[in-house]
Amino acid sequence: MLAMGSEEWELYPSSYIGAQVIEYRPISEDSDDDWNGDVAVSLDAVLPDDLLEKVLSFLPVVSIIRSGSVCKRWHEIVHAQRHTWSKMVPQKPWYFMFTCSEEAVSGFAYDPSLRKWYEFDFPCIERSNWSTSSSAGLVCLMDSENRGRIMVCNPITKDWKRLLDAPGGKTADYSALAFSVDRSSHQYTVVVARSNQVPSEYYQWEFAIHLYESITGSWVTPFTGVLLGWRGGDECVICDGVLYYLVYSTGVVVNNNQHRHCLVMYDLSARPNHISLMSMAIPVPCALTCGRLMNLSERLVLVGGIGKQDRPGIIKGIGIWELRNKKWHEVAKMPHKFFQGFGEFDEVFASCGADDIIYIQSYGSPALLTFEVKQKIWKWSAKSPVTKRFPLQLFTGFSFEPRLDIAS
């Protein structure tokens, strides 16, 4: 269990685009309920639409949504054309936390700007083991039972669509999902990377990259090949037009200098079809477990558990690295006081991030840790409203940027 200071919280409801939102705030917060003003000046009477939109654009996204219930005019402005919000103040990425179960997915979203949790019904996602990837306000989801079933949604506006089924069938030994949105045009790219063992050949794994572009609305398969001694996995990301993919050794490691994981790259613009991916592979910086790739403002970042050389499944720390000029540079290591909740033998954890924030969460606990990359600050989130109901209950989650101006 992760150690956190105890806090008291109270609930109060509010409207939230058709879904209930519950806020958590400290009881000690000052209240202005007893303020008595003699004169009330209506912004509705003095501000033209363009200035009102400008004022609202400086608010957090939750406050913008709530302002739509003030009056008819404000409702029309809040729910106006999406370009209205294209210049709103950038929002820090939220974290959506939910439990791992066979039930329909519902959970809580954490807003780091206000340090508050909101009860949140996520559109589209039906099972907790679906693959997810997010970019610029949209989230892409891949069905765990049918790997060809791909959806794209805006979690805030609840807008979503199902794409054409991805090539390669419903199943694969390993499938990875990556997603990238162009912030100017709002066009997006989806990549599904599949890896299947060649029958009766333990060291040979077929590898294929399937690519979808929203501008064409169709899939292509720019690369197929065979990996020798390496297999694919479920972790990849698109960063600055390049697909980065973690691969895993299938052989027996004979010495401590031999890496079990490597990073391969594929240029999605040039799309070469006759290249050796492993000839350009970059070893990970250390013996790694729970490795996760992230695009932080077009910087490729790797988060992972630092395994012991003789027992790589045992985590002795959690590290963060950035890839620059094909070399890994350490960004930070989790301080011991935070690591204590994550370093129990073979315990695994989830991590994700966007912009300047990285989220880290143990699968066995609803506590959430954040790391601000530029300031190198570690801190716990506000106390999570998610509760652990039985000892083996697991939790997971992913991050997304809250935006009103983008559609699927």
Protein backbone atom coordinates (compact mmCIF):
# COMPACT_ATOMS: atom_id res chain seq x y z
CA MET A 1 0.00 0.00 0.00
CA LEU A 2 1.33 3.46 -0.86
CA ALA A 3 1.84 5.85 2.01
CA MET A 4 -0.11 9.09 1.83
CA GLY A 5 -1.15 11.75 4.30
CA SER A 6 -4.70 11.31 5.49
CA GLU A 7 -7.20 13.93 4.34
CA GLU A 8 -10.92 14.47 4.75
CA TRP A 9 -13.10 15.08 1.71
CA GLU A 10 -16.68 15.89 0.96
CA LEU A 11 -18.74 15.32 -2.19
CA TYR A 12 -20.90 17.71 -4.10
CA PRO A 13 -22.51 17.12 -7.50
CA SER A 14 -22.47 19.20 -10.69
CA SER A 15 -23.53 18.78 -14.32
CA TYR A 16 -21.07 17.48 -16.86
CA ILE A 17 -22.21 17.09 -20.51
CA GLY A 18 -24.74 14.40 -19.81
CA ALA A 19 -22.56 12.60 -17.27
CA GLN A 20 -22.49 13.11 -13.53
CA VAL A 21 -19.42 14.78 -12.12
CA ILE A 22 -18.54 14.58 -8.46
CA GLU A 23 -15.87 16.87 -7.08
CA TYR A 24 -13.64 16.18 -4.12
CA ARG A 25 -12.42 19.18 -2.15
CA PRO A 26 -10.92 19.63 1.29
CA ILE A 27 -13.45 20.35 4.00
CA SER A 28 -11.15 23.10 5.18
CA GLU A 29 -11.70 25.13 2.00
CA ASP A 30 -13.03 28.59 2.68
CA SER A 31 -16.65 29.14 1.78
CA ASP A 32 -18.10 32.34 0.45
CA ASP A 33 -21.71 31.29 0.92
CA ASP A 34 -22.33 34.12 3.38
CA TRP A 35 -21.18 36.87 1.00
CA ASN A 36 -23.88 39.43 0.61
CA GLY A 37 -23.56 41.73 -2.39
CA ASP A 38 -25.89 44.64 -2.82
CA VAL A 39 -25.25 45.10 -6.53
CA ALA A 40 -25.15 42.35 -9.16
CA VAL A 41 -23.68 43.18 -12.54
CA SER A 42 -24.50 40.74 -15.33
CA LEU A 43 -21.68 39.90 -17.72
CA ASP A 44 -24.41 38.83 -20.09
CA ALA A 45 -25.48 42.44 -20.37
CA VAL A 46 -22.08 44.05 -20.97
CA LEU A 47 -19.88 41.58 -22.83
CA PRO A 48 -20.23 40.78 -26.55
CA ASP A 49 -19.94 37.13 -27.55
CA ASP A 50 -16.32 37.27 -28.70
CA LEU A 51 -15.12 38.80 -25.42
CA LEU A 52 -17.18 36.38 -23.34
CA GLU A 53 -15.65 33.48 -25.28
CA LYS A 54 -12.21 34.93 -24.64
CA VAL A 55 -12.86 35.22 -20.91
CA LEU A 56 -14.19 31.67 -20.68
CA SER A 57 -11.24 30.31 -22.65
CA PHE A 58 -8.94 31.13 -19.72
CA LEU A 59 -10.90 28.84 -17.39
CA PRO A 60 -10.18 25.16 -16.70
CA VAL A 61 -12.21 22.92 -19.00
CA VAL A 62 -14.50 21.78 -16.16
CA SER A 63 -15.36 25.40 -15.33
CA ILE A 64 -16.11 26.11 -19.00
CA ILE A 65 -18.54 23.21 -19.14
CA ARG A 66 -20.27 24.27 -15.95
CA SER A 67 -20.63 27.83 -17.17
CA GLY A 68 -22.98 26.48 -19.83
CA SER A 69 -25.64 26.09 -17.15
CA VAL A 70 -25.59 29.79 -16.19
CA CYS A 71 -28.06 30.89 -18.85
CA LYS A 72 -29.22 30.16 -22.40
CA ARG A 73 -26.68 32.49 -23.98
CA TRP A 74 -23.76 30.97 -22.12
CA HIS A 75 -24.98 27.48 -22.96
CA GLU A 76 -25.00 28.37 -26.66
CA ILE A 77 -21.48 29.77 -26.45
CA VAL A 78 -20.08 26.77 -24.56
CA HIS A 79 -21.65 24.35 -27.03
CA ALA A 80 -20.84 26.45 -30.09
CA GLN A 81 -18.61 25.41 -32.98
CA ARG A 82 -15.43 23.72 -31.80
CA HIS A 83 -13.19 26.43 -33.30
CA THR A 84 -14.44 28.65 -30.46
CA TRP A 85 -12.15 26.76 -28.09
CA SER A 86 -9.17 26.28 -30.39
CA LYS A 87 -7.23 29.03 -28.59
CA MET A 88 -8.19 28.16 -25.04
CA VAL A 89 -5.46 27.98 -22.42
CA PRO A 90 -3.65 24.60 -22.71
CA GLN A 91 -4.90 22.10 -20.16
CA LYS A 92 -2.68 19.71 -18.24
CA PRO A 93 -3.37 16.05 -19.08
CA TRP A 94 -5.87 14.25 -16.87
CA TYR A 95 -5.57 10.69 -15.57
CA PHE A 96 -8.49 8.27 -15.86
CA MET A 97 -8.35 5.57 -13.16
CA PHE A 98 -10.54 2.47 -13.05
CA THR A 99 -10.55 -1.05 -11.67
CA CYS A 100 -9.59 -4.15 -13.62
CA SER A 101 -12.74 -6.25 -13.94
CA GLU A 102 -15.12 -7.82 -16.44
CA GLU A 103 -17.74 -5.19 -15.70
CA ALA A 104 -18.41 -2.06 -17.74
CA VAL A 105 -15.66 0.50 -17.30
CA SER A 106 -16.35 3.52 -15.13
CA GLY A 107 -14.00 5.36 -12.87
CA PHE A 108 -12.61 8.71 -11.86
CA ALA A 109 -10.63 11.33 -13.77
CA TYR A 110 -7.94 13.36 -11.99
CA ASP A 111 -7.38 17.01 -12.91
CA PRO A 112 -3.85 18.01 -11.80
CA SER A 113 -4.49 21.73 -12.31
CA LEU A 114 -7.24 21.84 -9.71
CA ARG A 115 -6.06 18.70 -7.86
CA LYS A 116 -9.57 17.27 -7.97
CA TRP A 117 -11.16 13.97 -8.96
CA TYR A 118 -14.35 13.69 -11.05
CA GLU A 119 -16.62 10.69 -11.41
CA PHE A 120 -16.29 9.90 -15.08
CA ASP A 121 -18.03 7.60 -17.56
CA PHE A 122 -15.58 7.04 -20.38
CA PRO A 123 -17.20 6.62 -23.82
CA CYS A 124 -16.63 3.50 -25.96
CA ILE A 125 -14.39 1.48 -23.66
CA GLU A 126 -16.11 -1.75 -22.63
CA ARG A 127 -13.40 -3.73 -20.83
CA SER A 128 -10.52 -2.69 -18.61
CA ASN A 129 -7.98 -4.67 -20.66
CA TRP A 130 -8.52 -2.69 -23.86
CA SER A 131 -5.42 -1.05 -25.33
CA THR A 132 -5.37 2.75 -25.30
CA SER A 133 -3.29 5.55 -26.78
CA SER A 134 -4.00 9.27 -26.57
CA SER A 135 -2.92 12.44 -28.34
CA ALA A 136 -4.06 16.09 -28.41
CA GLY A 137 -7.46 15.53 -26.82
CA LEU A 138 -8.43 12.26 -28.52
CA VAL A 139 -8.11 8.71 -27.24
CA CYS A 140 -7.75 5.65 -29.47
CA LEU A 141 -8.95 2.28 -28.16
CA MET A 142 -8.40 -1.29 -29.37
CA ASP A 143 -10.72 -4.13 -28.34
CA SER A 144 -8.85 -6.86 -26.46
CA GLU A 145 -11.11 -9.61 -27.88
CA ASN A 146 -11.10 -8.31 -31.46
CA ARG A 147 -7.80 -6.60 -32.27
CA GLY A 148 -9.19 -5.29 -35.52
CA ARG A 149 -11.85 -3.24 -33.73
CA ILE A 150 -10.52 0.30 -33.27
CA MET A 151 -12.33 3.37 -31.95
CA VAL A 152 -11.42 7.04 -31.54
CA CYS A 153 -13.15 9.35 -29.07
CA ASN A 154 -13.03 12.68 -27.30
CA PRO A 155 -13.65 11.79 -23.62
CA ILE A 156 -14.80 15.32 -22.74
CA THR A 157 -17.39 15.90 -25.47
CA LYS A 158 -18.27 12.16 -25.69
CA ASP A 159 -17.86 12.31 -29.48
CA TRP A 160 -16.61 8.99 -30.90
CA LYS A 161 -16.42 6.84 -34.01
CA ARG A 162 -15.44 3.31 -34.96
CA LEU A 163 -12.80 3.00 -37.67
CA LEU A 164 -12.69 0.42 -40.41
CA ASP A 165 -11.39 -2.85 -38.99
CA ALA A 166 -7.61 -3.06 -38.93
CA PRO A 167 -5.92 -5.67 -41.15
CA GLY A 168 -4.50 -8.83 -39.69
CA GLY A 169 -7.57 -10.44 -38.19
CA LYS A 170 -9.06 -10.42 -34.71
CA THR A 171 -6.16 -11.99 -32.84
CA ALA A 172 -2.38 -11.87 -32.66
CA ASP A 173 0.22 -13.16 -30.23
CA TYR A 174 1.10 -9.55 -29.47
CA SER A 175 -0.55 -6.31 -30.59
CA ALA A 176 0.49 -2.74 -29.84
CA LEU A 177 -1.42 0.48 -30.48
CA ALA A 178 -0.04 3.95 -31.20
CA PHE A 179 -1.90 7.17 -31.98
CA SER A 180 -0.89 10.66 -33.07
CA VAL A 181 -2.97 13.78 -33.79
CA ASP A 182 -1.80 16.78 -35.80
CA ARG A 183 -2.59 19.76 -33.57
CA SER A 184 -3.13 22.12 -36.51
CA SER A 185 -5.26 20.08 -38.90
CA HIS A 186 -6.70 17.64 -36.29
CA GLN A 187 -6.00 14.79 -38.73
CA TYR A 188 -4.73 11.67 -36.99
CA THR A 189 -2.70 8.52 -37.53
CA VAL A 190 -3.30 5.12 -35.94
CA VAL A 191 -0.72 2.33 -35.92
CA VAL A 192 -1.39 -1.29 -34.99
CA ALA A 193 1.83 -3.32 -34.73
CA ARG A 194 1.33 -7.09 -34.68
CA SER A 195 3.77 -9.85 -33.80
CA ASN A 196 3.08 -13.58 -34.31
CA GLN A 197 5.35 -16.51 -33.72
CA VAL A 198 6.30 -18.43 -36.86
CA PRO A 199 4.86 -21.97 -36.44
CA SER A 200 7.42 -24.35 -34.91
CA GLU A 201 10.09 -21.61 -34.93
CA TYR A 202 10.60 -20.24 -31.42
CA TYR A 203 13.22 -17.68 -32.49
CA GLN A 204 11.30 -16.34 -35.50
CA TRP A 205 8.49 -13.85 -35.14
CA GLU A 206 6.50 -12.26 -37.92
CA PHE A 207 6.09 -8.53 -37.52
CA ALA A 208 3.70 -6.20 -39.36
CA ILE A 209 2.87 -2.50 -39.14
CA HIS A 210 -0.68 -1.46 -40.11
CA LEU A 211 -1.30 2.26 -40.60
CA TYR A 212 -4.57 4.23 -40.66
CA GLU A 213 -4.84 7.90 -41.64
CA SER A 214 -8.00 9.86 -40.98
CA ILE A 215 -7.45 12.00 -44.07
CA THR A 216 -7.86 8.90 -46.30
CA GLY A 217 -10.07 6.83 -43.99
CA SER A 218 -8.25 3.64 -44.96
CA TRP A 219 -5.58 1.20 -43.77
CA VAL A 220 -2.27 0.32 -45.41
CA THR A 221 0.44 -2.15 -44.39
CA PRO A 222 3.75 -0.44 -45.15
CA PHE A 223 5.98 -3.01 -43.48
CA THR A 224 6.11 -6.77 -42.91
CA GLY A 225 9.12 -8.77 -41.85
CA VAL A 226 10.53 -11.44 -39.56
CA LEU A 227 12.39 -10.78 -36.32
CA LEU A 228 15.09 -13.33 -35.45
CA GLY A 229 15.63 -13.87 -31.74
CA TRP A 230 13.28 -11.03 -30.87
CA ARG A 231 9.53 -10.73 -30.51
CA GLY A 232 7.17 -7.81 -30.42
CA GLY A 233 5.12 -6.74 -27.44
CA ASP A 234 2.33 -4.35 -26.54
CA GLU A 235 4.27 -1.10 -26.22
CA CYS A 236 4.81 1.47 -28.96
CA VAL A 237 4.42 5.22 -29.50
CA ILE A 238 4.55 7.75 -32.33
CA CYS A 239 6.92 10.66 -31.76
CA ASP A 240 7.79 13.30 -34.36
CA GLY A 241 6.57 11.10 -37.22
CA VAL A 242 8.51 8.00 -36.16
CA LEU A 243 7.08 4.81 -34.67
CA TYR A 244 9.07 3.54 -31.68
CA TYR A 245 8.45 -0.05 -30.59
CA LEU A 246 9.83 -2.13 -27.72
CA VAL A 247 10.95 -5.65 -28.63
CA TYR A 248 11.96 -8.47 -26.31
CA SER A 249 14.69 -11.10 -26.55
CA THR A 250 13.50 -14.68 -27.00
CA GLY A 251 16.91 -16.19 -26.24
CA VAL A 252 18.67 -17.10 -23.04
CA VAL A 253 20.70 -14.22 -21.67
CA VAL A 254 24.23 -15.53 -21.28
CA ASN A 255 25.83 -12.51 -19.59
CA ASN A 256 24.81 -9.37 -17.78
CA ASN A 257 25.81 -7.14 -20.71
CA GLN A 258 23.26 -8.69 -23.04
CA HIS A 259 20.07 -6.64 -23.18
CA ARG A 260 16.66 -8.26 -22.89
CA HIS A 261 14.83 -5.31 -24.45
CA CYS A 262 15.56 -3.06 -27.42
CA LEU A 263 13.88 -0.14 -29.13
CA VAL A 264 13.25 -0.30 -32.88
CA MET A 265 12.22 2.61 -35.08
CA TYR A 266 10.17 2.99 -38.24
CA ASP A 267 9.76 6.24 -40.19
CA LEU A 268 6.04 6.66 -40.92
CA SER A 269 6.68 9.34 -43.53
CA ALA A 270 9.28 7.53 -45.65
CA ARG A 271 7.68 4.10 -45.01
CA PRO A 272 10.57 1.90 -46.16
CA ASN A 273 9.51 -1.71 -46.79
CA HIS A 274 12.91 -3.40 -47.11
CA ILE A 275 14.88 -2.56 -43.99
CA SER A 276 16.34 -4.48 -41.07
CA LEU A 277 14.71 -3.04 -37.99
CA MET A 278 17.12 -4.78 -35.63
CA SER A 279 20.18 -3.32 -37.38
CA MET A 280 19.13 0.10 -36.04
CA ALA A 281 17.85 -1.14 -32.66
CA ILE A 282 18.76 0.81 -29.53
CA PRO A 283 19.25 -1.16 -26.30
CA VAL A 284 17.27 0.05 -23.30
CA PRO A 285 19.40 1.82 -20.66
CA CYS A 286 19.28 -0.98 -18.08
CA ALA A 287 17.60 -4.25 -17.11
CA LEU A 288 13.99 -3.13 -17.42
CA THR A 289 10.53 -4.17 -16.30
CA CYS A 290 7.16 -2.53 -16.98
CA GLY A 291 8.76 -0.36 -19.68
CA ARG A 292 6.45 2.32 -21.12
CA LEU A 293 7.12 4.71 -24.01
CA MET A 294 5.68 8.24 -23.98
CA ASN A 295 5.54 11.25 -26.27
CA LEU A 296 6.05 14.33 -24.11
CA SER A 297 5.76 17.31 -26.49
CA GLU A 298 7.53 15.35 -29.26
CA ARG A 299 10.24 14.10 -26.89
CA LEU A 300 10.54 10.33 -26.58
CA VAL A 301 10.55 9.29 -22.92
CA LEU A 302 10.90 5.83 -21.39
CA VAL A 303 9.66 4.95 -17.89
CA GLY A 304 10.47 1.59 -16.37
CA GLY A 305 11.30 -0.44 -13.31
CA ILE A 306 15.03 -0.88 -12.83
CA GLY A 307 15.53 -4.61 -12.41
CA LYS A 308 18.39 -6.35 -10.66
CA GLN A 309 20.92 -7.80 -13.10
CA ASP A 310 20.77 -11.28 -11.55
CA ARG A 311 17.00 -11.15 -10.90
CA PRO A 312 15.51 -8.74 -13.48
CA GLY A 313 11.93 -9.38 -12.34
CA ILE A 314 12.69 -7.70 -9.01
CA ILE A 315 12.45 -3.91 -9.11
CA LYS A 316 15.08 -1.96 -7.21
CA GLY A 317 13.96 1.44 -8.48
CA ILE A 318 11.94 3.32 -11.12
CA GLY A 319 13.68 5.46 -13.69
CA ILE A 320 12.84 7.97 -16.41
CA TRP A 321 14.98 8.45 -19.52
CA GLU A 322 14.79 10.59 -22.66
CA LEU A 323 16.12 9.51 -26.07
CA ARG A 324 18.28 12.18 -27.71
CA ASN A 325 20.42 11.50 -30.77
CA LYS A 326 19.76 7.76 -30.36
CA LYS A 327 21.19 7.73 -26.84
CA TRP A 328 19.35 7.47 -23.55
CA HIS A 329 19.78 10.29 -21.05
CA GLU A 330 18.56 9.88 -17.49
CA VAL A 331 15.88 12.39 -16.52
CA ALA A 332 15.15 11.24 -12.98
CA LYS A 333 14.93 8.32 -10.59
CA MET A 334 12.06 7.99 -8.17
CA PRO A 335 13.15 8.99 -4.63
CA HIS A 336 13.13 6.14 -2.15
CA LYS A 337 10.30 7.60 -0.06
CA PHE A 338 8.00 7.40 -3.09
CA PHE A 339 9.44 4.14 -4.40
CA GLN A 340 8.62 2.19 -1.25
CA GLY A 341 5.06 1.61 -2.44
CA PHE A 342 6.23 0.32 -5.83
CA GLY A 343 9.30 -1.76 -5.04
CA GLU A 344 7.90 -4.90 -3.53
CA PHE A 345 9.65 -7.75 -5.33
CA ASP A 346 7.74 -8.55 -8.53
CA GLU A 347 5.06 -5.88 -8.12
CA VAL A 348 4.14 -4.24 -11.42
CA PHE A 349 2.98 -0.73 -12.15
CA ALA A 350 1.42 1.39 -14.88
CA SER A 351 2.82 4.64 -16.19
CA CYS A 352 1.79 7.13 -18.87
CA GLY A 353 2.10 10.80 -19.62
CA ALA A 354 1.74 13.75 -21.96
CA ASP A 355 2.97 17.31 -22.22
CA ASP A 356 5.06 17.75 -19.04
CA ILE A 357 3.43 15.27 -16.64
CA ILE A 358 4.12 11.59 -16.02
CA TYR A 359 1.68 9.49 -13.99
CA ILE A 360 2.75 6.34 -12.13
CA GLN A 361 0.32 3.96 -10.45
CA SER A 362 0.81 0.55 -8.85
CA TYR A 363 -1.65 -2.03 -10.17
CA GLY A 364 -2.35 -3.03 -6.59
CA SER A 365 -3.22 0.41 -5.23
CA PRO A 366 -5.41 3.38 -6.22
CA ALA A 367 -2.73 5.87 -5.10
CA LEU A 368 -1.41 8.02 -7.96
CA LEU A 369 2.03 9.60 -8.20
CA THR A 370 2.87 12.47 -10.56
CA PHE A 371 6.20 13.73 -11.90
CA GLU A 372 6.55 17.17 -13.47
CA VAL A 373 9.41 16.78 -15.94
CA LYS A 374 10.60 20.37 -16.32
CA GLN A 375 10.60 21.14 -12.62
CA LYS A 376 11.57 17.57 -11.64
CA ILE A 377 8.94 17.51 -8.91
CA TRP A 378 7.46 14.29 -7.52
CA LYS A 379 4.18 14.46 -5.63
CA TRP A 380 1.09 12.44 -4.83
CA SER A 381 -2.18 13.37 -6.41
CA ALA A 382 -5.07 14.44 -4.22
CA LYS A 383 -6.41 11.42 -2.37
CA SER A 384 -8.15 9.10 -4.81
CA PRO A 385 -11.88 8.39 -4.26
CA VAL A 386 -11.31 4.85 -5.58
CA THR A 387 -11.28 2.33 -2.75
CA LYS A 388 -9.73 -1.13 -2.57
CA ARG A 389 -12.56 -3.54 -1.73
CA PHE A 390 -10.63 -6.82 -1.59
CA PRO A 391 -6.91 -7.75 -1.34
CA LEU A 392 -6.40 -8.89 -4.95
CA GLN A 393 -8.29 -6.02 -6.56
CA LEU A 394 -6.26 -4.36 -9.33
CA PHE A 395 -6.32 -0.84 -10.72
CA THR A 396 -5.13 0.74 -13.94
CA GLY A 397 -5.51 3.91 -15.96
CA PHE A 398 -4.25 6.18 -18.70
CA SER A 399 -3.84 9.89 -19.36
CA PHE A 400 -5.48 12.17 -21.90
CA GLU A 401 -5.60 15.87 -22.64
CA PRO A 402 -9.02 17.46 -21.97
CA ARG A 403 -10.08 19.47 -25.04
CA LEU A 404 -13.35 20.82 -26.41
CA ASP A 405 -12.19 21.76 -29.91
CA ILE A 406 -11.42 18.40 -31.51
CA ALA A 407 -13.63 15.62 -32.87
CA SER A 408 -13.06 12.03 -33.85
